[in-house]
Each structure stands twice: as C-alpha cells, then as structure tokens.
C-alpha cells in the first residue's frame, strides 16, 4: 500500500487572527460551544486546555498572541 501527502501554502493580503476567523464564522451562524477546547504549543508537549464560553475573550487573546509570535 502506498501513502501520499500534500500541503498547501496560503499567502494572505492582511493579517488573519484567530479572533477575526471566529468572528467571520459567526456571521454565518457558527458559534462557540462549551467546553471551549484549545491548544498552544509552547515548545513542549501539546497540552489541551478546556474552559467555558465566559473566558472566550481571554482564549482568543491568548491564541492571537501566540499565533502572531509564531507566525508574524
């Protein structure tokens, strides 16, 4: 049996953050559901975190800061 892999590179005209992605999805009826689960790889093992929607702003800020640190 053979295996295959593929990848896609995206180039954006402007910064795309986790928050702007979630906000764009919300305009189509998508919403965050509890528990919110997220992961940040801070040069260690992947560690999943869970929280409630009451902490969504904090989670989005964390993910935006991490993604910018890693990609900007």
C-alpha atoms as a PDB file:
ATOM      1  CA  UNK A   1       0.000   0.000   0.000  1.00  0.00           C
ATOM      2  CA  UNK A   2       1.367   3.417  -0.860  1.00  0.00           C
ATOM      3  CA  UNK A   3       0.893   6.624   1.051  1.00  0.00           C
ATOM      4  CA  UNK A   4       0.548  10.161  -0.201  1.00  0.00           C
ATOM      5  CA  UNK A   5       0.830  13.549   1.360  1.00  0.00           C
ATOM      6  CA  UNK A   6       0.105  17.063   0.231  1.00  0.00           C
ATOM      7  CA  UNK A   7       0.428  20.540   1.606  1.00  0.00           C
ATOM      8  CA  UNK A   8      -0.942  23.935   0.741  1.00  0.00           C
ATOM      9  CA  UNK A   9       0.733  27.277   1.335  1.00  0.00           C
ATOM     10  CA  UNK A  10      -1.507  30.294   1.840  1.00  0.00           C
ATOM     11  CA  UNK A  11      -0.495  33.920   1.343  1.00  0.00           C
ATOM     12  CA  UNK A  12      -2.819  36.488   2.874  1.00  0.00           C
ATOM     13  CA  UNK A  13      -3.062  40.137   1.882  1.00  0.00           C
ATOM     14  CA  UNK A  14      -3.546  41.110   5.529  1.00  0.00           C
ATOM     15  CA  UNK A  15      -3.128  39.593   8.969  1.00  0.00           C
ATOM     16  CA  UNK A  16      -5.569  36.810   9.822  1.00  0.00           C
ATOM     17  CA  UNK A  17      -6.021  36.189  13.519  1.00  0.00           C
ATOM     18  CA  UNK A  18      -7.944  33.544  15.409  1.00  0.00           C
ATOM     19  CA  UNK A  19     -10.372  36.241  16.580  1.00  0.00           C
ATOM     20  CA  UNK A  20     -11.083  37.518  13.040  1.00  0.00           C
ATOM     21  CA  UNK A  21     -11.592  33.939  11.858  1.00  0.00           C
ATOM     22  CA  UNK A  22     -14.069  33.194  14.678  1.00  0.00           C
ATOM     23  CA  UNK A  23     -15.870  36.500  14.017  1.00  0.00           C
ATOM     24  CA  UNK A  24     -16.129  35.727  10.293  1.00  0.00           C
ATOM     25  CA  UNK A  25     -17.561  32.287  11.044  1.00  0.00           C
ATOM     26  CA  UNK A  26     -20.055  33.846  13.489  1.00  0.00           C
ATOM     27  CA  UNK A  27     -21.561  35.923  10.672  1.00  0.00           C
ATOM     28  CA  UNK A  28     -22.624  32.655   9.020  1.00  0.00           C
ATOM     29  CA  UNK A  29     -24.311  31.306  12.147  1.00  0.00           C
ATOM     30  CA  UNK A  30     -21.375  29.446  13.666  1.00  0.00           C
ATOM     31  CA  UNK A  31     -20.912  29.783  17.433  1.00  0.00           C
ATOM     32  CA  UNK A  32     -18.575  28.683  20.191  1.00  0.00           C
ATOM     33  CA  UNK A  33     -19.841  25.772  22.257  1.00  0.00           C
ATOM     34  CA  UNK A  34     -18.786  24.608  25.669  1.00  0.00           C
ATOM     35  CA  UNK A  35     -16.468  23.370  26.677  1.00  0.00           C
ATOM     36  CA  UNK A  36     -14.072  25.516  24.657  1.00  0.00           C
ATOM     37  CA  UNK A  37     -11.013  23.429  23.931  1.00  0.00           C
ATOM     38  CA  UNK A  38      -7.769  24.869  22.649  1.00  0.00           C
ATOM     39  CA  UNK A  39      -4.106  24.022  22.389  1.00  0.00           C
ATOM     40  CA  UNK A  40      -0.961  26.114  22.321  1.00  0.00           C
ATOM     41  CA  UNK A  41       2.372  24.508  21.509  1.00  0.00           C
ATOM     42  CA  UNK A  42       4.876  26.443  23.599  1.00  0.00           C
ATOM     43  CA  UNK A  43       7.901  24.328  22.661  1.00  0.00           C
ATOM     44  CA  UNK A  44       6.725  21.494  24.837  1.00  0.00           C
ATOM     45  CA  UNK A  45       4.308  18.658  24.522  1.00  0.00           C
ATOM     46  CA  UNK A  46       0.915  19.545  23.130  1.00  0.00           C
ATOM     47  CA  UNK A  47      -1.381  20.231  26.044  1.00  0.00           C
ATOM     48  CA  UNK A  48      -5.129  20.622  25.525  1.00  0.00           C
ATOM     49  CA  UNK A  49      -6.980  23.110  27.716  1.00  0.00           C
ATOM     50  CA  UNK A  50     -10.723  23.444  28.363  1.00  0.00           C
ATOM     51  CA  UNK A  51     -12.746  26.371  29.633  1.00  0.00           C
ATOM     52  CA  UNK A  52     -16.206  27.935  29.487  1.00  0.00           C
ATOM     53  CA  UNK A  53     -17.527  30.443  26.967  1.00  0.00           C
ATOM     54  CA  UNK A  54     -17.261  33.119  29.666  1.00  0.00           C
ATOM     55  CA  UNK A  55     -13.498  33.008  29.067  1.00  0.00           C
ATOM     56  CA  UNK A  56     -13.710  33.183  25.252  1.00  0.00           C
ATOM     57  CA  UNK A  57     -12.166  36.675  25.058  1.00  0.00           C
ATOM     58  CA  UNK A  58      -9.157  35.534  27.106  1.00  0.00           C
ATOM     59  CA  UNK A  59      -8.707  32.408  24.988  1.00  0.00           C
ATOM     60  CA  UNK A  60      -8.921  34.376  21.734  1.00  0.00           C
ATOM     61  CA  UNK A  61      -6.387  36.917  23.040  1.00  0.00           C
ATOM     62  CA  UNK A  62      -4.029  34.091  24.038  1.00  0.00           C
ATOM     63  CA  UNK A  63      -4.346  32.336  20.684  1.00  0.00           C
ATOM     64  CA  UNK A  64      -3.951  35.608  18.769  1.00  0.00           C
ATOM     65  CA  UNK A  65      -0.795  36.500  20.704  1.00  0.00           C
ATOM     66  CA  UNK A  66       0.681  33.038  20.270  1.00  0.00           C
ATOM     67  CA  UNK A  67      -0.100  32.792  16.576  1.00  0.00           C
ATOM     68  CA  UNK A  68       1.381  36.212  15.927  1.00  0.00           C
ATOM     69  CA  UNK A  69       4.506  35.373  17.931  1.00  0.00           C
ATOM     70  CA  UNK A  70       4.901  32.160  15.964  1.00  0.00           C
ATOM     71  CA  UNK A  71       3.978  33.437  12.502  1.00  0.00           C
ATOM     72  CA  UNK A  72       4.436  37.224  12.312  1.00  0.00           C
END
